[in-house]
Amino acid sequence: MSPRPIPMLPVPRRAARVAVLPMLLPVLALLGACGRTADEGSTDGAVATTAPDVVAFTPAQVQHGGVRWAPAVGGNAAATLEVPGQLVPNEDRTARLGAPARGRVLSVAVQPGQRVNAGQVLVTLQSQEASTARADFAKATAELASRRAAATYARTARERAERLLAAKAISRQELERAQADDELARSSLAQAEAEVQRARAGMAQLGVASSTGAMVITSPVTGIVLSREAVPGSVAEAGASLVTVSDPRTLWLELSVSDRAASTLTTGSRVRFNVPAFPSDTFEARVSSVGGALDPSTRTVPVRALVANPAGRLRPAMFATVWIEAAAAQAAVSVPEGAVQMLDGRPVVFVATPDGKGGARFERRNVTLGGTAAGRAQLLAGVTAGETVVTDGAFAVKSEFSRGKMAKE
């Protein structure tokens, strides 16, 4: 006999859910741990924002970047603007001497810093072109002597023919022949003289000494030797720099100012400056040129001023602090100089909005610079007084903006 099947009793739904729950608990716990790990890891980087001019920092980023913020101070732009500058040689009184032709340097008679007079020998070179120019001059001189003798003989023959014709000793045809020979000899003499002048000019352009045939480079101005690139025994190509001589009695002061500050400067305007070598002395300069366009990299206008330096105390390449007298004071806010950064070729500051937990959101603001004074930059537009701006660690915020831009590209 086959065994009777045991009937299956129905299981209540609540009991089935209770039986499945223990199996789901490990899975839910694993998912919760993954979620917490992802949330905790997200605190290590900047919070993503949809606005291109805003970036958010976590408390850890603020502390690591040394980011600090403070309210912008309102007031008026100082009537005197302070900008950096540099002294450079007056190019109108500077001679940058190069090799007139390819040649070997025989001797160099000066050293950097040495004072020289106009016409003093600086460098001597030996060149094939110089030898050729000297030979051409000698040949032209010899030809000139020959043509001069021929012209003298032709003139004498013409004068004799005129006397003989007056005595009816020769025919008029012979006199005309003597006159033609004299005219031809004078034309040949003029041609020979022109050739001598050409050969002499060629020697002068190369600086060839007629006695030795070497190229001699002399100083065209009285001044000091700024640099010496010539080395005895070396071969200098045509145009290669050999020696630079400058008259130090006048120098140029070069500086860069904002477009608003440049509008107050005209040719002849007076500026004051000092240099670290003489901190207690103040010097003056007169503006000689104001740039007609902004420098695309710094968004500033180049300005050049002429400095009188009769005593020779100032030297080229000295750094200077320049004070410009502005036309009038105007409304502005001031921030520390380090708060202003260059981003995408424009000066910017970062306006901070703290989140109350140690982090903050930073908004990029394009600003208009008015100058600097006592270590603070004056902003004429872009930020209002009382707004909280980044004063320390602005470079870290700038780097985050640059990183975000590269990621999008």
Protein backbone atom coordinates (compact mmCIF):
# COMPACT_ATOMS: atom_id res chain seq x y z
CA MET A 1 0.00 0.00 0.00
CA SER A 2 1.35 3.47 -0.88
CA PRO A 3 1.69 5.93 1.96
CA ARG A 4 -0.97 8.58 2.26
CA PRO A 5 0.34 12.13 1.46
CA ILE A 6 0.53 14.50 4.33
CA PRO A 7 -1.60 17.56 3.68
CA MET A 8 0.25 21.00 3.56
CA LEU A 9 -1.07 23.50 6.03
CA PRO A 10 -1.26 27.19 4.88
CA VAL A 11 1.37 29.51 6.36
CA PRO A 12 0.18 32.91 7.50
CA ARG A 13 1.56 35.95 5.56
CA ARG A 14 2.88 37.65 8.72
CA ALA A 15 4.91 34.56 9.57
CA ALA A 16 6.44 34.54 6.05
CA ARG A 17 7.57 38.15 6.38
CA VAL A 18 9.12 37.44 9.75
CA ALA A 19 11.04 34.50 8.27
CA VAL A 20 12.48 36.61 5.38
CA LEU A 21 13.49 39.57 7.58
CA PRO A 22 16.58 37.91 9.15
CA MET A 23 17.96 37.26 5.68
CA LEU A 24 17.58 40.92 4.60
CA LEU A 25 19.21 42.46 7.66
CA PRO A 26 22.85 41.78 6.62
CA VAL A 27 22.18 43.25 3.17
CA LEU A 28 20.63 46.40 4.61
CA ALA A 29 23.51 46.81 7.05
CA LEU A 30 26.05 46.51 4.20
CA LEU A 31 24.24 49.13 2.14
CA GLY A 32 24.08 51.48 5.13
CA ALA A 33 27.82 51.14 5.73
CA CYS A 34 28.55 51.92 2.06
CA GLY A 35 26.35 55.01 2.26
CA ARG A 36 28.12 56.25 5.38
CA THR A 37 31.53 55.68 3.78
CA ALA A 38 30.55 57.66 0.71
CA ASP A 39 29.21 60.51 2.83
CA GLU A 40 32.30 60.62 5.00
CA GLY A 41 34.61 60.55 1.97
CA SER A 42 32.81 63.48 0.39
CA THR A 43 34.05 65.83 3.12
CA ASP A 44 37.63 65.64 1.76
CA GLY A 45 36.95 67.67 -1.43
CA ALA A 46 35.22 70.89 -2.45
CA VAL A 47 31.47 70.68 -2.71
CA ALA A 48 30.33 70.81 -6.31
CA THR A 49 28.33 73.86 -7.29
CA THR A 50 26.41 74.61 -10.43
CA ALA A 51 27.42 78.30 -10.59
CA PRO A 52 30.71 78.81 -12.51
CA ASP A 53 31.74 81.76 -10.29
CA VAL A 54 31.15 80.00 -6.96
CA VAL A 55 33.12 77.28 -5.18
CA ALA A 56 32.52 75.75 -1.73
CA PHE A 57 35.21 74.73 0.75
CA THR A 58 34.84 72.21 3.54
CA PRO A 59 36.23 73.05 7.01
CA ALA A 60 39.23 70.82 6.27
CA GLN A 61 40.00 72.74 3.06
CA VAL A 62 39.68 76.08 4.81
CA GLN A 63 42.14 75.00 7.48
CA HIS A 64 44.57 73.36 5.06
CA GLY A 65 44.64 76.38 2.71
CA GLY A 66 44.96 78.89 5.52
CA VAL A 67 41.91 80.73 4.21
CA ARG A 68 40.79 83.71 6.27
CA TRP A 69 38.24 86.39 5.51
CA ALA A 70 37.33 89.85 6.76
CA PRO A 71 35.02 92.72 5.75
CA ALA A 72 36.20 95.12 3.03
CA VAL A 73 36.94 98.56 4.44
CA GLY A 74 35.22 101.52 2.83
CA GLY A 75 36.72 104.94 2.31
CA ASN A 76 38.29 107.10 -0.39
CA ALA A 77 41.11 106.21 -2.75
CA ALA A 78 44.28 107.95 -1.66
CA ALA A 79 45.26 111.03 -3.60
CA THR A 80 48.75 109.50 -3.88
CA LEU A 81 49.03 106.08 -5.51
CA GLU A 82 51.91 103.76 -4.71
CA VAL A 83 53.11 101.42 -7.48
CA PRO A 84 56.30 99.41 -8.07
CA GLY A 85 58.80 100.45 -10.72
CA GLN A 86 62.27 99.71 -12.05
CA LEU A 87 65.15 101.81 -13.34
CA VAL A 88 66.50 100.87 -16.77
CA PRO A 89 69.12 102.43 -19.08
CA ASN A 90 68.06 105.38 -21.20
CA GLU A 91 67.96 103.69 -24.60
CA ASP A 92 68.37 107.07 -26.31
CA ARG A 93 71.78 107.34 -24.65
CA THR A 94 72.74 103.67 -24.85
CA ALA A 95 74.87 102.01 -27.53
CA ARG A 96 74.57 98.27 -28.02
CA LEU A 97 77.59 97.56 -30.20
CA GLY A 98 77.69 94.47 -32.39
CA ALA A 99 80.13 92.94 -34.85
CA PRO A 100 79.79 94.72 -38.24
CA ALA A 101 80.97 91.56 -40.02
CA ARG A 102 81.99 88.03 -39.19
CA GLY A 103 85.40 88.00 -37.57
CA ARG A 104 87.66 86.76 -34.82
CA VAL A 105 87.96 88.81 -31.63
CA LEU A 106 91.59 89.84 -31.18
CA SER A 107 91.30 91.89 -27.98
CA VAL A 108 88.77 93.44 -25.61
CA ALA A 109 89.97 96.62 -23.91
CA VAL A 110 87.18 97.19 -21.34
CA GLN A 111 85.44 95.50 -18.42
CA PRO A 112 81.82 95.81 -17.14
CA GLY A 113 81.41 98.91 -14.99
CA GLN A 114 84.39 100.69 -16.54
CA ARG A 115 83.96 104.31 -17.58
CA VAL A 116 84.80 105.07 -21.20
CA ASN A 117 84.97 108.17 -23.37
CA ALA A 118 83.49 108.72 -26.80
CA GLY A 119 85.92 107.36 -29.42
CA GLN A 120 87.71 105.02 -27.01
CA VAL A 121 88.65 101.62 -28.45
CA LEU A 122 86.55 98.78 -27.00
CA VAL A 123 87.05 95.68 -29.17
CA THR A 124 89.40 94.74 -32.02
CA LEU A 125 88.48 92.06 -34.57
CA GLN A 126 90.14 90.45 -37.57
CA SER A 127 87.89 89.82 -40.58
CA GLN A 128 88.12 88.78 -44.20
CA GLU A 129 85.63 91.46 -45.12
CA ALA A 130 87.79 94.05 -43.42
CA SER A 131 90.82 92.89 -45.41
CA THR A 132 88.81 93.09 -48.62
CA ALA A 133 87.58 96.58 -47.79
CA ARG A 134 91.12 97.74 -47.07
CA ALA A 135 92.36 96.27 -50.35
CA ASP A 136 89.53 97.95 -52.27
CA PHE A 137 90.44 101.26 -50.70
CA ALA A 138 94.12 100.87 -51.59
CA LYS A 139 93.18 99.94 -55.16
CA ALA A 140 90.83 102.90 -55.48
CA THR A 141 93.50 105.24 -54.10
CA ALA A 142 96.04 103.99 -56.64
CA GLU A 143 93.55 104.36 -59.46
CA LEU A 144 92.78 107.89 -58.33
CA ALA A 145 96.47 108.80 -58.46
CA SER A 146 96.71 107.41 -61.99
CA ARG A 147 93.61 109.27 -63.17
CA ARG A 148 94.83 112.49 -61.56
CA ALA A 149 98.15 112.26 -63.45
CA ALA A 150 96.30 111.58 -66.70
CA ALA A 151 94.00 114.53 -66.09
CA THR A 152 97.01 116.80 -65.42
CA TYR A 153 98.68 115.71 -68.64
CA ALA A 154 95.45 116.18 -70.66
CA ARG A 155 94.99 119.70 -69.26
CA THR A 156 98.57 120.62 -70.11
CA ALA A 157 98.17 119.24 -73.66
CA ARG A 158 95.01 121.25 -74.18
CA GLU A 159 96.66 124.47 -73.00
CA ARG A 160 99.63 123.84 -75.31
CA ALA A 161 97.35 123.15 -78.26
CA GLU A 162 95.54 126.42 -77.62
CA ARG A 163 98.84 128.36 -77.74
CA LEU A 164 99.97 126.56 -80.88
CA LEU A 165 96.68 127.24 -82.61
CA ALA A 166 97.02 130.92 -81.73
CA ALA A 167 100.45 130.83 -83.41
CA LYS A 168 98.92 129.00 -86.39
CA ALA A 169 101.30 126.09 -85.73
CA ILE A 170 98.62 123.36 -85.61
CA SER A 171 95.19 122.82 -87.08
CA ARG A 172 91.94 123.38 -85.22
CA GLN A 173 91.27 119.65 -85.44
CA GLU A 174 94.28 118.94 -83.24
CA LEU A 175 93.05 121.46 -80.69
CA GLU A 176 89.61 119.86 -80.59
CA ARG A 177 91.21 116.47 -80.06
CA ALA A 178 93.21 117.86 -77.12
CA GLN A 179 90.07 119.41 -75.63
CA ALA A 180 88.19 116.05 -75.89
CA ASP A 181 91.07 114.24 -74.24
CA ASP A 182 91.03 116.78 -71.39
CA GLU A 183 87.28 116.36 -70.87
CA LEU A 184 87.60 112.56 -70.83
CA ALA A 185 90.46 112.72 -68.33
CA ARG A 186 88.45 114.96 -65.99
CA SER A 187 85.47 112.57 -66.13
CA SER A 188 87.74 109.64 -65.33
CA LEU A 189 89.21 111.58 -62.42
CA ALA A 190 85.74 112.28 -60.99
CA GLN A 191 84.88 108.59 -61.29
CA ALA A 192 88.06 107.60 -59.48
CA GLU A 193 87.36 110.10 -56.68
CA ALA A 194 83.85 108.65 -56.23
CA GLU A 195 85.30 105.16 -56.02
CA VAL A 196 87.72 106.26 -53.32
CA GLN A 197 84.85 107.78 -51.33
CA ARG A 198 82.87 104.53 -51.63
CA ALA A 199 85.83 102.43 -50.47
CA ARG A 200 86.52 104.84 -47.59
CA ALA A 201 82.85 104.68 -46.49
CA GLY A 202 82.97 100.88 -46.61
CA MET A 203 86.00 100.88 -44.33
CA ALA A 204 84.35 103.35 -41.97
CA GLN A 205 81.20 101.22 -41.71
CA LEU A 206 83.28 98.20 -40.79
CA GLY A 207 85.55 100.23 -38.53
CA VAL A 208 88.65 99.14 -40.44
CA ALA A 209 91.92 100.74 -39.38
CA SER A 210 93.85 101.75 -42.49
CA SER A 211 97.18 100.98 -40.81
CA THR A 212 96.42 97.41 -39.62
CA GLY A 213 93.32 96.33 -41.54
CA ALA A 214 91.61 95.19 -38.31
CA MET A 215 88.07 96.14 -37.35
CA VAL A 216 88.18 98.49 -34.37
CA ILE A 217 84.97 99.04 -32.39
CA THR A 218 84.92 102.38 -30.57
CA SER A 219 82.43 103.86 -28.12
CA PRO A 220 80.06 106.44 -29.65
CA VAL A 221 79.11 107.88 -26.22
CA THR A 222 80.77 108.73 -22.94
CA GLY A 223 79.45 106.46 -20.21
CA ILE A 224 79.93 103.15 -18.45
CA VAL A 225 80.16 99.62 -19.82
CA LEU A 226 76.96 97.78 -18.85
CA SER A 227 77.84 94.42 -20.35
CA ARG A 228 80.62 92.72 -22.27
CA GLU A 229 79.87 89.67 -24.39
CA ALA A 230 83.05 89.70 -26.51
CA VAL A 231 85.68 87.09 -25.61
CA PRO A 232 89.20 87.21 -27.08
CA GLY A 233 89.80 84.40 -29.55
CA SER A 234 86.14 83.71 -30.22
CA VAL A 235 84.50 84.11 -33.62
CA ALA A 236 81.68 86.65 -33.68
CA GLU A 237 79.01 86.48 -36.34
CA ALA A 238 77.81 89.61 -38.06
CA GLY A 239 75.46 91.49 -35.71
CA ALA A 240 76.51 89.55 -32.60
CA SER A 241 76.47 91.70 -29.45
CA LEU A 242 79.92 92.66 -28.21
CA VAL A 243 79.69 95.53 -25.71
CA THR A 244 76.92 97.75 -24.31
CA VAL A 245 77.74 101.29 -23.21
CA SER A 246 75.26 103.69 -21.61
CA ASP A 247 75.40 107.28 -20.39
CA PRO A 248 74.26 107.05 -16.73
CA ARG A 249 73.49 110.76 -16.39
CA THR A 250 69.89 109.99 -17.35
CA LEU A 251 67.85 106.84 -16.73
CA TRP A 252 64.36 105.61 -17.50
CA LEU A 253 61.88 104.71 -14.75
CA GLU A 254 59.42 102.09 -15.99
CA LEU A 255 56.19 101.31 -14.15
CA SER A 256 52.75 99.84 -14.79
CA VAL A 257 49.57 101.50 -13.54
CA SER A 258 45.84 100.88 -13.81
CA ASP A 259 43.96 102.51 -16.66
CA ARG A 260 42.25 104.89 -14.23
CA ALA A 261 45.59 105.98 -12.76
CA ALA A 262 47.04 106.34 -16.25
CA SER A 263 44.28 108.82 -17.12
CA THR A 264 45.76 111.24 -14.54
CA LEU A 265 49.25 111.10 -16.10
CA THR A 266 50.40 113.20 -19.03
CA THR A 267 53.77 113.94 -20.56
CA GLY A 268 55.66 116.09 -18.10
CA SER A 269 53.79 114.90 -15.01
CA ARG A 270 55.94 114.62 -11.90
CA VAL A 271 56.34 111.37 -9.97
CA ARG A 272 58.36 110.64 -6.84
CA PHE A 273 60.20 107.44 -5.98
CA ASN A 274 62.79 105.90 -3.75
CA VAL A 275 65.04 102.86 -3.98
CA PRO A 276 66.11 100.35 -1.30
CA ALA A 277 69.74 101.45 -1.63
CA PHE A 278 68.83 104.95 -0.39
CA PRO A 279 65.68 104.48 1.74
CA SER A 280 65.83 107.97 3.27
CA ASP A 281 66.15 109.79 -0.07
CA THR A 282 63.29 110.67 -2.42
CA PHE A 283 63.98 111.19 -6.12
CA GLU A 284 61.91 112.81 -8.86
CA ALA A 285 61.17 111.91 -12.46
CA ARG A 286 59.15 113.40 -15.30
CA VAL A 287 56.75 111.26 -17.33
CA SER A 288 57.99 111.01 -20.92
CA SER A 289 55.44 108.56 -22.34
CA VAL A 290 52.18 106.85 -21.37
CA GLY A 291 51.25 103.62 -23.14
CA GLY A 292 48.39 103.75 -25.61
CA ALA A 293 47.05 100.27 -24.76
CA LEU A 294 46.75 97.94 -21.78
CA ASP A 295 49.11 95.04 -21.33
CA PRO A 296 46.85 92.02 -22.01
CA SER A 297 48.56 89.89 -19.36
CA THR A 298 48.46 92.37 -16.46
CA ARG A 299 45.67 94.72 -17.59
CA THR A 300 47.87 97.71 -16.78
CA VAL A 301 49.24 100.63 -18.78
CA PRO A 302 53.04 100.95 -19.20
CA VAL A 303 54.45 104.34 -18.20
CA ARG A 304 57.97 105.65 -18.68
CA ALA A 305 59.57 108.60 -16.86
CA LEU A 306 62.92 110.30 -17.36
CA VAL A 307 65.22 110.45 -14.33
CA ALA A 308 68.09 112.94 -14.03
CA ASN A 309 71.11 111.21 -12.50
CA PRO A 310 74.02 113.66 -12.69
CA ALA A 311 75.81 112.23 -9.65
CA GLY A 312 75.46 108.64 -10.85
CA ARG A 313 74.00 107.40 -7.57
CA LEU A 314 71.21 105.48 -9.26
CA ARG A 315 71.98 102.42 -11.34
CA PRO A 316 70.06 100.49 -13.98
CA ALA A 317 67.99 97.49 -12.78
CA MET A 318 67.29 99.07 -9.37
CA PHE A 319 63.77 98.43 -8.08
CA ALA A 320 61.80 101.48 -6.97
CA THR A 321 58.65 102.41 -5.09
CA VAL A 322 56.85 105.11 -7.06
CA TRP A 323 54.25 107.58 -5.80
CA ILE A 324 51.85 109.13 -8.30
CA GLU A 325 49.86 112.23 -7.47
CA ALA A 326 46.24 111.44 -8.37
CA ALA A 327 43.88 114.13 -9.63
CA ALA A 328 41.39 113.78 -6.74
CA ALA A 329 40.24 111.30 -4.13
CA GLN A 330 37.32 109.02 -5.06
CA ALA A 331 35.16 106.43 -3.31
CA ALA A 332 36.82 103.04 -2.94
CA VAL A 333 37.19 100.05 -0.66
CA SER A 334 40.49 98.66 0.49
CA VAL A 335 41.64 95.08 1.02
CA PRO A 336 45.07 93.54 1.68
CA GLU A 337 47.19 93.29 -1.46
CA GLY A 338 47.23 89.49 -1.17
CA ALA A 339 43.45 89.43 -1.50
CA VAL A 340 43.70 90.46 -5.17
CA GLN A 341 44.51 87.63 -7.56
CA MET A 342 44.82 87.44 -11.36
CA LEU A 343 42.34 84.94 -12.84
CA ASP A 344 41.69 84.62 -16.59
CA GLY A 345 43.75 87.74 -17.12
CA ARG A 346 41.65 89.93 -14.81
CA PRO A 347 42.11 91.08 -11.19
CA VAL A 348 39.61 89.36 -8.89
CA VAL A 349 38.76 89.00 -5.20
CA PHE A 350 36.73 86.24 -3.55
CA VAL A 351 33.65 87.14 -1.53
CA ALA A 352 33.13 84.64 1.31
CA THR A 353 29.84 83.34 2.70
CA PRO A 354 30.61 81.23 5.81
CA ASP A 355 28.33 78.23 6.45
CA GLY A 356 28.66 78.44 10.26
CA LYS A 357 30.44 75.08 10.47
CA GLY A 358 33.96 76.16 9.51
CA GLY A 359 33.40 75.95 5.75
CA ALA A 360 32.39 78.65 3.30
CA ARG A 361 31.24 79.41 -0.23
CA PHE A 362 33.43 81.75 -2.27
CA GLU A 363 32.19 83.92 -5.12
CA ARG A 364 34.58 85.28 -7.70
CA ARG A 365 34.28 89.05 -8.27
CA ASN A 366 36.05 91.01 -11.03
CA VAL A 367 37.35 94.29 -9.61
CA THR A 368 38.83 97.56 -10.84
CA LEU A 369 42.13 98.45 -9.19
CA GLY A 370 42.86 101.99 -8.15
CA GLY A 371 46.37 101.54 -6.74
CA THR A 372 48.08 100.42 -3.55
CA ALA A 373 49.04 102.20 -0.37
CA ALA A 374 50.53 100.89 2.87
CA GLY A 375 50.16 97.28 1.74
CA ARG A 376 46.46 97.58 0.87
CA ALA A 377 44.91 97.54 -2.59
CA GLN A 378 42.25 100.11 -3.38
CA LEU A 379 39.26 98.78 -5.33
CA LEU A 380 37.18 101.25 -7.29
CA ALA A 381 34.51 98.78 -8.42
CA GLY A 382 33.41 95.17 -7.92
CA VAL A 383 33.11 95.03 -4.12
CA THR A 384 31.17 97.18 -1.69
CA ALA A 385 32.21 98.18 1.81
CA GLY A 386 31.32 95.59 4.45
CA GLU A 387 31.29 92.56 2.13
CA THR A 388 33.34 89.67 3.48
CA VAL A 389 36.34 88.95 1.26
CA VAL A 390 39.18 86.45 1.47
CA THR A 391 42.23 88.17 2.97
CA ASP A 392 44.55 85.18 3.50
CA GLY A 393 44.84 82.02 1.43
CA ALA A 394 43.33 83.65 -1.68
CA PHE A 395 45.73 81.63 -3.82
CA ALA A 396 44.20 78.38 -2.55
CA VAL A 397 40.74 79.60 -3.59
CA LYS A 398 42.12 80.70 -6.98
CA SER A 399 43.64 77.23 -7.46
CA GLU A 400 40.27 75.61 -6.82
CA PHE A 401 38.65 77.81 -9.48
CA SER A 402 41.44 76.96 -11.94
CA ARG A 403 41.08 73.24 -11.17
CA GLY A 404 37.35 73.39 -11.78
CA LYS A 405 37.90 75.13 -15.11
CA MET A 406 40.40 72.49 -16.26
CA ALA A 407 38.01 69.71 -15.27
CA LYS A 408 35.27 71.22 -17.46
CA GLU A 409 37.64 71.56 -20.39
